[in-house]
Each structure stands twice: as structure tokens, then as C-alpha cells.
N, C-alpha and C. Protein backbone atom coordinates (compact mmCIF):
# COMPACT_ATOMS: atom_id res chain seq x y z
N MET A 1 -19.41 58.35 79.56
CA MET A 1 -18.90 56.71 79.89
C MET A 1 -18.27 57.00 81.31
N THR A 2 -19.14 55.82 82.17
CA THR A 2 -19.07 55.58 83.37
C THR A 2 -16.93 54.87 84.02
N SER A 3 -16.79 55.05 84.31
CA SER A 3 -15.28 54.93 84.60
C SER A 3 -15.62 53.12 84.68
N LYS A 4 -16.21 51.96 84.84
CA LYS A 4 -16.71 51.01 84.86
C LYS A 4 -16.65 49.99 83.36
N ALA A 5 -17.47 51.72 82.06
CA ALA A 5 -17.25 51.46 80.90
C ALA A 5 -15.29 51.49 79.96
N VAL A 6 -15.19 52.57 81.00
CA VAL A 6 -13.88 52.89 81.03
C VAL A 6 -12.86 51.40 80.95
N ARG A 7 -13.49 50.88 82.20
CA ARG A 7 -12.56 50.15 83.05
C ARG A 7 -12.37 49.02 81.48
N TYR A 8 -13.48 48.08 81.19
CA TYR A 8 -13.50 47.76 80.10
C TYR A 8 -12.88 47.74 78.85
N PHE A 9 -13.22 48.95 78.27
CA PHE A 9 -13.05 49.63 77.10
C PHE A 9 -11.28 49.75 76.93
N ILE A 10 -11.07 50.22 77.82
CA ILE A 10 -9.27 50.36 77.44
C ILE A 10 -8.66 49.21 77.22
N PRO A 11 -8.71 47.80 78.32
CA PRO A 11 -8.46 46.77 77.77
C PRO A 11 -8.26 46.17 76.32
N LEU A 12 -9.47 46.80 75.94
CA LEU A 12 -10.17 45.59 74.66
C LEU A 12 -9.42 46.47 73.60
N VAL A 13 -9.11 47.82 73.91
CA VAL A 13 -8.80 48.98 72.76
C VAL A 13 -7.04 48.00 72.44
N VAL A 14 -6.26 48.23 73.37
CA VAL A 14 -5.24 47.80 73.69
C VAL A 14 -5.08 46.46 72.94
N PHE A 15 -6.12 45.62 73.21
CA PHE A 15 -5.70 43.79 72.60
C PHE A 15 -6.25 44.15 71.04
N ILE A 16 -7.02 45.34 70.75
CA ILE A 16 -7.61 45.42 69.61
C ILE A 16 -6.04 46.01 68.33
N ALA A 17 -5.27 46.82 69.23
CA ALA A 17 -4.46 47.26 68.49
C ALA A 17 -3.13 46.15 68.42
N LEU A 18 -3.32 45.34 69.25
CA LEU A 18 -2.11 44.42 69.69
C LEU A 18 -2.60 43.37 68.37
N ALA A 19 -3.76 43.01 68.12
CA ALA A 19 -4.12 41.79 66.93
C ALA A 19 -3.34 42.20 65.70
N VAL A 20 -3.56 44.01 65.79
CA VAL A 20 -3.65 44.46 64.23
C VAL A 20 -2.37 44.42 63.81
N PHE A 21 -1.21 45.26 65.00
CA PHE A 21 0.19 45.56 64.75
C PHE A 21 0.69 43.50 64.28
N LEU A 22 -0.20 42.63 64.99
CA LEU A 22 0.61 41.47 65.08
C LEU A 22 -0.08 40.77 63.69
N GLY A 23 -1.37 40.76 63.06
CA GLY A 23 -1.74 40.81 61.49
C GLY A 23 -0.84 41.62 60.85
N LEU A 24 -0.13 42.46 61.21
CA LEU A 24 0.76 42.93 60.04
C LEU A 24 2.42 42.56 60.24
N GLY A 25 2.44 42.42 61.05
CA GLY A 25 3.72 41.45 61.41
C GLY A 25 3.98 40.27 60.91
N LEU A 26 2.36 39.44 60.62
CA LEU A 26 2.46 37.67 60.11
C LEU A 26 2.43 38.59 58.45
N LYS A 27 2.72 39.22 57.97
CA LYS A 27 2.45 39.52 56.70
C LYS A 27 3.80 39.66 55.92
N LEU A 28 4.68 40.36 56.69
CA LEU A 28 6.03 40.73 56.69
C LEU A 28 7.36 39.29 56.12
N ASP A 29 7.80 39.32 55.39
CA ASP A 29 9.19 38.07 55.07
C ASP A 29 10.26 38.35 55.88
N PRO A 30 10.50 37.14 56.56
CA PRO A 30 11.66 37.71 57.80
C PRO A 30 12.90 37.63 56.78
N ARG A 31 12.77 37.23 54.86
CA ARG A 31 14.12 36.83 54.71
C ARG A 31 14.53 38.39 54.20
N HIS A 32 13.70 39.59 53.97
CA HIS A 32 14.25 41.26 54.11
C HIS A 32 13.95 41.84 54.91
N VAL A 33 14.38 41.50 56.18
CA VAL A 33 15.03 42.43 57.12
C VAL A 33 16.26 42.82 56.37
N PRO A 34 15.40 44.59 56.87
CA PRO A 34 16.79 45.51 56.03
C PRO A 34 17.64 45.67 57.01
N SER A 35 18.65 45.79 56.62
CA SER A 35 20.01 45.60 56.99
C SER A 35 20.45 47.70 57.31
N PRO A 36 21.57 47.11 58.76
CA PRO A 36 22.28 48.72 58.44
C PRO A 36 22.95 48.69 57.72
N LEU A 37 23.78 47.87 57.36
CA LEU A 37 25.05 47.29 56.67
C LEU A 37 25.01 47.72 55.50
N VAL A 38 23.93 47.95 54.30
CA VAL A 38 23.65 48.49 53.09
C VAL A 38 23.92 49.54 53.22
N GLY A 39 24.45 49.69 51.99
CA GLY A 39 25.51 51.27 51.77
C GLY A 39 26.45 51.40 52.47
N LYS A 40 26.93 50.71 53.18
CA LYS A 40 28.18 51.14 54.02
C LYS A 40 29.54 49.60 54.24
N ARG A 41 30.68 50.53 54.30
CA ARG A 41 32.15 49.65 53.89
C ARG A 41 31.48 48.47 55.25
N VAL A 42 32.24 47.49 53.96
CA VAL A 42 32.01 46.35 54.85
C VAL A 42 32.92 46.80 56.48
N PRO A 43 32.90 45.32 57.11
CA PRO A 43 33.43 45.36 58.36
C PRO A 43 34.74 45.12 58.22
N GLU A 44 36.19 45.65 58.92
CA GLU A 44 36.90 44.76 58.56
C GLU A 44 37.44 43.16 59.55
N PHE A 45 37.74 42.56 58.81
CA PHE A 45 38.37 41.46 59.68
C PHE A 45 39.65 41.33 59.02
N SER A 46 40.09 39.98 60.19
CA SER A 46 41.17 38.87 59.47
C SER A 46 40.94 38.13 59.51
N LEU A 47 40.94 36.54 58.71
CA LEU A 47 40.93 35.46 59.37
C LEU A 47 40.72 34.63 58.40
N PRO A 48 41.74 33.15 59.46
CA PRO A 48 42.59 32.63 58.75
C PRO A 48 41.24 31.81 57.37
N ARG A 49 42.50 31.21 56.74
CA ARG A 49 41.81 30.27 55.74
C ARG A 49 41.75 29.44 55.93
N LEU A 50 40.28 28.27 55.60
CA LEU A 50 40.21 27.00 55.97
C LEU A 50 40.64 26.30 54.76
N PHE A 51 40.66 26.35 54.10
CA PHE A 51 42.03 25.16 53.41
C PHE A 51 44.12 25.43 54.12
N TYR A 52 44.17 26.86 54.30
CA TYR A 52 45.41 27.14 54.75
C TYR A 52 45.60 27.99 55.77
N PRO A 53 45.19 27.62 56.97
CA PRO A 53 45.17 28.30 58.31
C PRO A 53 46.18 29.38 58.38
N ASP A 54 47.48 29.26 58.13
CA ASP A 54 48.25 29.84 57.96
C ASP A 54 48.25 31.30 57.14
N LYS A 55 47.50 30.71 56.45
CA LYS A 55 47.32 32.68 55.23
C LYS A 55 46.06 33.22 56.00
N ALA A 56 45.80 34.46 56.31
CA ALA A 56 44.63 35.29 56.12
C ALA A 56 44.47 35.83 55.38
N PHE A 57 43.03 36.20 55.69
CA PHE A 57 42.13 36.54 54.11
C PHE A 57 41.94 38.15 54.99
N THR A 58 41.33 39.18 54.56
CA THR A 58 40.49 40.26 54.95
C THR A 58 40.43 41.31 53.37
N PRO A 59 39.47 42.14 54.31
CA PRO A 59 38.33 42.42 52.40
C PRO A 59 39.13 43.12 51.67
N VAL A 60 40.30 43.38 51.97
CA VAL A 60 41.30 44.42 51.50
C VAL A 60 42.25 44.47 50.28
N ASP A 61 41.85 42.69 50.84
CA ASP A 61 42.01 41.31 49.73
C ASP A 61 41.56 42.01 48.78
N LEU A 62 40.42 41.71 48.26
CA LEU A 62 39.67 42.32 47.26
C LEU A 62 39.13 43.81 46.70
N GLN A 63 39.93 45.02 47.15
CA GLN A 63 39.73 45.77 46.74
C GLN A 63 39.50 46.22 45.07
N GLY A 64 38.67 47.10 44.90
CA GLY A 64 38.96 46.94 43.21
C GLY A 64 37.77 45.85 42.59
N ARG A 65 37.10 45.49 43.19
CA ARG A 65 36.64 43.82 42.65
C ARG A 65 35.12 43.83 42.91
N VAL A 66 34.46 43.49 42.84
CA VAL A 66 32.95 43.11 43.07
C VAL A 66 32.81 41.46 43.61
N TRP A 67 32.33 41.31 44.32
CA TRP A 67 32.26 40.36 45.21
C TRP A 67 31.18 39.82 46.27
N VAL A 68 30.83 38.51 46.47
CA VAL A 68 29.92 38.28 47.33
C VAL A 68 30.70 37.52 48.56
N LEU A 69 29.70 37.73 48.89
CA LEU A 69 30.35 36.64 50.58
C LEU A 69 29.21 35.53 51.35
N ASN A 70 29.46 35.15 51.15
CA ASN A 70 28.25 33.56 51.62
C ASN A 70 28.58 33.22 52.62
N VAL A 71 28.05 33.38 54.13
CA VAL A 71 27.97 32.58 55.03
C VAL A 71 27.49 31.17 55.45
N TRP A 72 28.29 30.42 56.20
CA TRP A 72 27.60 29.19 55.85
C TRP A 72 27.91 28.28 56.89
N ALA A 73 27.46 27.16 56.73
CA ALA A 73 28.05 26.29 58.18
C ALA A 73 28.21 24.93 57.84
N SER A 74 28.63 23.68 58.15
CA SER A 74 28.29 22.24 57.72
C SER A 74 27.33 21.64 58.36
N TRP A 75 26.81 22.18 59.62
CA TRP A 75 26.00 21.83 60.74
C TRP A 75 24.19 22.95 59.95
N CYS A 76 23.98 23.69 58.78
CA CYS A 76 23.12 24.07 58.26
C CYS A 76 22.32 23.35 57.19
N VAL A 77 21.32 22.20 57.32
CA VAL A 77 20.45 22.30 57.13
C VAL A 77 20.04 23.43 54.93
N ALA A 78 19.57 24.53 56.30
CA ALA A 78 19.57 25.34 54.55
C ALA A 78 20.91 25.74 53.85
N CYS A 79 22.00 25.79 54.62
CA CYS A 79 22.73 25.86 53.40
C CYS A 79 22.79 24.79 51.93
N ARG A 80 22.99 23.69 52.58
CA ARG A 80 23.32 22.55 51.27
C ARG A 80 22.05 22.97 50.29
N GLU A 81 21.35 23.63 50.93
CA GLU A 81 19.65 23.63 50.00
C GLU A 81 20.47 24.77 48.77
N GLU A 82 21.02 25.38 49.65
CA GLU A 82 21.62 26.62 48.18
C GLU A 82 22.40 26.36 47.91
N HIS A 83 23.85 25.44 48.10
CA HIS A 83 24.66 24.56 47.38
C HIS A 83 24.79 24.93 46.14
N ASP A 84 24.01 24.23 45.69
CA ASP A 84 24.41 23.60 44.33
C ASP A 84 23.65 25.52 43.15
N VAL A 85 22.60 26.09 43.88
CA VAL A 85 22.67 28.08 43.47
C VAL A 85 23.75 28.05 43.51
N LEU A 86 24.59 28.66 44.52
CA LEU A 86 25.91 28.69 44.46
C LEU A 86 27.03 28.65 43.49
N LYS A 87 27.52 27.33 43.31
CA LYS A 87 27.77 26.75 42.57
C LYS A 87 27.61 26.81 40.75
N ASP A 88 26.17 27.21 40.63
CA ASP A 88 25.58 27.63 39.57
C ASP A 88 25.85 29.31 39.25
N LEU A 89 25.71 30.23 40.59
CA LEU A 89 26.18 31.18 40.14
C LEU A 89 27.56 31.98 40.05
N VAL A 90 28.63 30.71 40.34
CA VAL A 90 29.97 31.39 40.01
C VAL A 90 30.28 30.52 38.61
N GLY A 91 29.59 29.60 37.98
CA GLY A 91 29.82 29.16 36.90
C GLY A 91 29.26 29.57 35.70
N ARG A 92 28.27 30.45 36.02
CA ARG A 92 27.82 31.69 35.40
C ARG A 92 28.06 33.09 35.26
N ASN A 93 29.07 33.48 36.03
CA ASN A 93 29.13 34.60 36.43
C ASN A 93 30.73 34.90 36.89
N PRO A 94 31.42 35.49 36.21
CA PRO A 94 33.08 35.03 36.83
C PRO A 94 33.07 36.27 38.36
N VAL A 95 32.40 36.12 39.14
CA VAL A 95 32.36 36.50 40.31
C VAL A 95 33.39 35.96 41.19
N THR A 96 33.45 36.71 42.34
CA THR A 96 34.81 36.30 43.67
C THR A 96 33.68 36.18 44.63
N VAL A 97 33.44 34.03 45.21
CA VAL A 97 32.35 34.53 46.13
C VAL A 97 33.18 33.19 47.12
N ILE A 98 33.51 34.36 48.15
CA ILE A 98 34.06 33.98 49.56
C ILE A 98 33.36 33.72 50.40
N GLY A 99 33.78 32.45 51.33
CA GLY A 99 32.57 31.67 52.08
C GLY A 99 33.35 32.24 53.19
N LEU A 100 32.41 32.86 54.38
CA LEU A 100 32.66 33.10 56.25
C LEU A 100 32.16 31.73 56.52
N ASN A 101 32.76 30.53 56.60
CA ASN A 101 32.46 29.28 58.10
C ASN A 101 32.28 29.64 58.61
N TYR A 102 31.08 29.97 59.76
CA TYR A 102 30.31 30.12 60.63
C TYR A 102 30.25 29.33 61.79
N LYS A 103 31.29 29.58 63.04
CA LYS A 103 30.76 28.18 64.24
C LYS A 103 30.36 27.44 64.02
N ASP A 104 31.68 26.20 63.30
CA ASP A 104 31.94 25.12 62.47
C ASP A 104 33.10 24.73 62.73
N THR A 105 33.18 23.23 62.87
CA THR A 105 34.54 22.63 62.95
C THR A 105 35.45 22.54 61.39
N VAL A 106 36.61 22.96 61.74
CA VAL A 106 37.58 22.82 60.53
C VAL A 106 36.87 21.40 59.56
N THR A 107 37.10 20.72 60.83
CA THR A 107 37.79 19.05 60.30
C THR A 107 35.94 18.93 59.27
N GLU A 108 34.97 19.50 59.86
CA GLU A 108 33.32 18.92 59.12
C GLU A 108 33.32 20.01 57.91
N ALA A 109 34.10 21.45 58.09
CA ALA A 109 33.89 21.77 57.27
C ALA A 109 34.36 21.60 55.41
N ILE A 110 35.67 21.34 55.98
CA ILE A 110 36.85 20.53 54.75
C ILE A 110 36.00 19.72 54.07
N GLN A 111 35.35 18.77 55.33
CA GLN A 111 34.73 16.87 54.57
C GLN A 111 33.60 17.37 54.11
N TRP A 112 32.41 18.36 54.26
CA TRP A 112 31.55 18.66 53.75
C TRP A 112 31.95 19.68 52.22
N LEU A 113 32.63 20.36 52.24
CA LEU A 113 32.76 20.98 51.03
C LEU A 113 33.48 20.48 49.91
N GLU A 114 34.80 19.26 50.28
CA GLU A 114 35.18 17.85 49.51
C GLU A 114 33.85 17.11 48.89
N GLN A 115 32.94 16.60 49.50
CA GLN A 115 31.53 15.85 49.44
C GLN A 115 30.64 16.97 48.36
N LEU A 116 30.15 18.08 49.05
CA LEU A 116 29.19 18.83 47.69
C LEU A 116 29.61 19.41 46.60
N GLY A 117 31.23 19.66 47.01
CA GLY A 117 31.62 20.34 45.85
C GLY A 117 31.92 21.98 46.27
N ASN A 118 32.81 22.87 45.46
CA ASN A 118 33.34 23.96 46.31
C ASN A 118 33.83 24.88 45.55
N PRO A 119 32.59 26.01 45.90
CA PRO A 119 31.72 26.83 45.09
C PRO A 119 32.59 28.10 44.81
N TYR A 120 33.50 28.59 46.01
CA TYR A 120 34.04 29.07 47.03
C TYR A 120 35.52 29.44 46.21
N GLU A 121 35.81 30.29 45.69
CA GLU A 121 37.28 30.79 45.87
C GLU A 121 38.01 30.94 46.69
N LEU A 122 37.91 31.16 47.89
CA LEU A 122 38.23 30.65 48.78
C LEU A 122 37.34 30.41 50.14
N SER A 123 37.10 30.03 51.75
CA SER A 123 36.24 30.22 52.65
C SER A 123 37.65 30.91 53.79
N VAL A 124 36.80 31.18 54.70
CA VAL A 124 37.73 31.50 56.18
C VAL A 124 36.89 31.23 56.87
N VAL A 125 37.50 30.67 58.28
CA VAL A 125 37.27 29.95 59.04
C VAL A 125 36.55 31.17 59.93
N ASP A 126 35.36 31.25 60.98
CA ASP A 126 35.28 32.38 62.09
C ASP A 126 34.30 31.41 63.25
N ALA A 127 35.02 30.61 63.85
CA ALA A 127 34.72 29.87 64.47
C ALA A 127 34.05 30.21 65.80
N GLU A 128 34.54 31.10 66.16
CA GLU A 128 33.00 31.68 67.42
C GLU A 128 32.62 32.90 67.14
N GLY A 129 32.26 33.56 65.78
CA GLY A 129 31.31 34.04 65.36
C GLY A 129 31.40 35.21 65.71
N GLN A 130 32.28 35.70 65.90
CA GLN A 130 32.51 37.44 66.11
C GLN A 130 32.38 38.36 65.19
N VAL A 131 33.11 37.20 63.64
CA VAL A 131 33.25 38.76 62.31
C VAL A 131 31.39 38.24 62.31
N GLY A 132 30.93 37.38 62.13
CA GLY A 132 29.45 37.12 61.62
C GLY A 132 28.90 38.41 62.34
N ILE A 133 28.94 38.15 63.79
CA ILE A 133 27.91 39.83 64.51
C ILE A 133 28.53 40.95 64.31
N ASP A 134 29.36 40.44 63.55
CA ASP A 134 30.53 42.54 62.66
C ASP A 134 29.70 42.73 62.04
N TRP A 135 29.09 41.67 61.19
CA TRP A 135 28.56 41.99 59.98
C TRP A 135 26.82 41.92 59.89
N GLY A 136 26.87 41.67 60.79
CA GLY A 136 24.98 41.43 61.38
C GLY A 136 24.03 40.64 61.53
N VAL A 137 24.96 38.81 61.10
CA VAL A 137 23.87 38.03 60.38
C VAL A 137 23.57 37.62 61.79
N TYR A 138 22.34 37.16 61.03
CA TYR A 138 21.54 36.66 62.27
C TYR A 138 21.45 34.71 62.17
N GLY A 139 21.69 34.55 60.92
CA GLY A 139 21.61 33.11 60.98
C GLY A 139 22.25 32.21 59.69
N VAL A 140 22.48 31.37 59.28
CA VAL A 140 23.46 31.19 58.42
C VAL A 140 22.30 30.12 57.71
N PRO A 141 22.01 30.71 56.46
CA PRO A 141 22.94 31.11 55.39
C PRO A 141 22.67 32.64 55.27
N GLU A 142 23.58 33.37 54.35
CA GLU A 142 22.98 34.57 54.83
C GLU A 142 24.26 35.15 53.50
N THR A 143 23.75 36.31 52.76
CA THR A 143 24.97 36.58 51.42
C THR A 143 24.46 37.81 50.92
N PHE A 144 25.93 38.17 50.85
CA PHE A 144 26.02 40.18 50.81
C PHE A 144 26.89 40.13 49.13
N VAL A 145 26.48 41.05 48.44
CA VAL A 145 27.33 41.88 47.85
C VAL A 145 28.09 43.05 48.02
N ILE A 146 29.28 43.00 47.56
CA ILE A 146 29.94 43.72 47.75
C ILE A 146 30.43 44.24 46.70
N ASP A 147 30.59 45.51 46.55
CA ASP A 147 31.01 46.83 45.05
C ASP A 147 32.98 46.44 45.15
N HIS A 148 33.27 47.26 44.19
CA HIS A 148 34.23 46.95 44.17
C HIS A 148 35.12 48.69 45.58
N GLU A 149 33.99 48.98 45.64
CA GLU A 149 34.82 50.37 46.34
C GLU A 149 34.52 49.49 48.37
N GLY A 150 34.12 48.58 48.04
CA GLY A 150 33.69 48.04 49.75
C GLY A 150 32.88 47.68 50.14
N ILE A 151 31.85 48.65 48.91
CA ILE A 151 30.75 49.05 49.88
C ILE A 151 29.78 47.86 49.77
N ILE A 152 28.78 47.34 50.95
CA ILE A 152 27.72 46.01 50.88
C ILE A 152 26.52 46.85 50.09
N ARG A 153 25.94 46.31 48.85
CA ARG A 153 24.96 47.02 48.10
C ARG A 153 23.93 45.55 48.21
N TYR A 154 23.87 44.66 49.01
CA TYR A 154 22.53 43.85 49.07
C TYR A 154 23.15 42.77 50.42
N LYS A 155 21.95 42.56 50.70
CA LYS A 155 22.80 41.32 51.89
C LYS A 155 20.87 40.40 51.76
N HIS A 156 21.08 39.18 51.57
CA HIS A 156 20.03 38.07 51.78
C HIS A 156 20.01 37.40 52.72
N ILE A 157 19.03 37.15 54.10
CA ILE A 157 18.42 35.92 54.76
C ILE A 157 18.34 34.83 54.42
N GLY A 158 18.79 33.38 54.85
CA GLY A 158 18.43 32.57 54.10
C GLY A 158 18.92 32.07 52.97
N PRO A 159 18.44 30.84 52.50
CA PRO A 159 19.33 30.31 51.23
C PRO A 159 18.38 30.88 50.12
N ILE A 160 19.60 31.55 49.05
CA ILE A 160 19.09 31.66 48.30
C ILE A 160 18.73 30.55 46.72
N SER A 161 17.93 31.04 46.13
CA SER A 161 16.96 30.05 45.54
C SER A 161 17.73 30.79 44.00
N SER A 162 17.10 29.66 42.66
CA SER A 162 17.94 29.98 41.62
C SER A 162 17.03 31.72 40.83
N THR A 163 15.50 31.55 41.58
CA THR A 163 15.09 32.71 41.22
C THR A 163 15.99 34.12 41.34
N ASP A 164 16.19 34.24 42.98
CA ASP A 164 16.80 35.36 43.74
C ASP A 164 18.21 35.29 42.66
N VAL A 165 18.48 34.90 42.78
CA VAL A 165 20.03 34.89 41.36
C VAL A 165 19.53 35.53 40.02
N GLU A 166 18.57 34.97 40.03
CA GLU A 166 18.27 35.52 38.76
C GLU A 166 17.60 37.10 38.18
N LYS A 167 16.87 37.20 39.74
CA LYS A 167 15.55 38.32 39.73
C LYS A 167 16.96 39.32 40.14
N THR A 168 17.37 39.55 41.08
CA THR A 168 17.99 40.28 42.45
C THR A 168 19.98 39.89 42.08
N ILE A 169 20.26 39.20 42.45
CA ILE A 169 21.58 38.94 42.53
C ILE A 169 22.34 39.08 41.50
N LEU A 170 22.33 38.15 40.24
CA LEU A 170 23.42 38.44 38.99
C LEU A 170 23.15 39.80 38.47
N PRO A 171 22.25 40.30 38.08
CA PRO A 171 21.84 41.91 37.79
C PRO A 171 21.92 42.61 38.37
N LEU A 172 22.32 42.69 39.73
CA LEU A 172 23.14 43.53 40.68
C LEU A 172 24.76 43.36 40.16
N ILE A 173 25.19 41.85 40.20
CA ILE A 173 26.49 42.03 40.05
C ILE A 173 27.08 42.41 38.40
N GLU A 174 26.03 42.09 37.98
CA GLU A 174 26.19 42.50 36.48
C GLU A 174 26.75 44.50 36.46
N ASP A 175 25.79 44.82 37.66
CA ASP A 175 25.83 45.93 37.03
C ASP A 175 26.80 47.07 37.63
N LEU A 176 26.32 46.13 38.76
CA LEU A 176 28.35 46.43 39.51
C LEU A 176 29.55 46.30 38.87
N GLN A 177 29.96 45.49 37.89
CA GLN A 177 30.89 45.12 37.18
C GLN A 177 30.82 46.21 36.19
N ARG A 178 29.88 46.61 35.08
CA ARG A 178 29.94 47.24 34.85
C ARG A 178 30.15 48.36 34.86
N SER A 179 30.22 48.98 36.35
CA SER A 179 30.29 50.04 36.17
C SER A 179 31.45 50.42 37.13
N THR A 180 32.58 49.46 37.34
CA THR A 180 33.86 49.01 37.48
C THR A 180 34.84 49.29 36.34
N SER A 181 34.15 48.53 34.84
CA SER A 181 34.88 48.70 34.22
C SER A 181 35.36 50.10 32.92
């Protein structure tokens, strides 16, 4: 091969390789980003409760219980989309659902829950977003299922749907609850 042919061949090969990687990447579901936290202990935090700011919540408060952490905000359109699904989940299974109100104002968060209903046993305020960062939150909403030992067993990015609840979240919660009995 002549040097002139090589000069044109190398960029062509690089272009084809990039096109293949782009094509493969477009087939991936952005909601299934692997989390390095799944299988690990929950990050520790202590945050004020939304309705009782003089009281703090920490994950140690739920040691020995299976629970769900749902990251939400009043400004989040997708959170509104999943809100009824969360209320249905709580109504169908006696699992504790904790809300992590992410980068929101207390007033707007309270108004939002009063308007749409409150599926959470309690919500905590992460006004600066630091706890969300510690949990590896990409954006809201995100939902985590935590076992009785404080280990994250599942992470869902984006709004959960009724199908997600039926096929993944409820079966996992029920399995985890059975294993603690």
C-alpha cells in the first residue's frame, strides 16, 4: 500500500470504528446505567425531614427493614409522571418509601405533596444535592430498593412505571421481605 493510500485508509477505518460504537451506543437504554452502589451499603447521611425540619433522618433509622428511597423534586416533570405509581406501590405493599427531595425549596415541595398526595413515610431535604451525589444520582427521579441490612439491591433511573413495579420492584421487595422473616 502506498503512503497516499494509507493516508486515506486510516481516517476511513477510524470513522467506521466510531460509527460502529455510536450505533451500539444508540441501542442502549439510558435507564439501565449500571450503578457501582448496587450490592454495597447505603451511603450514610443525616438530613432534616421535610415536614419536621427540627428532626433528622438517617438510614440507620431503618436498619432491619426493607425500604425504598425515591429521589424527587417539585420542579421535576417526570416525578409528577411517576407519582401515582408510587402511591399505588405503597397501597399494595407495606414497604417504607422515603422521599429524598432533591435541590428543591421546602415550600414548593410541601405544596407539591399537599396537591398530589404524599406516598412517603417521610421525606428529607437535600437542598444542596450533596446526598444525591453520594448516592450516584444522575437526575430525578431515581428509585433505590434497600434490603434489611442496608445494602442497595436495585436502582432505577427515571420515572418508574406500573410495569416496572409489577415485573421488577414488587417481586424484589417481596423476596427481600421474605428473607428477613
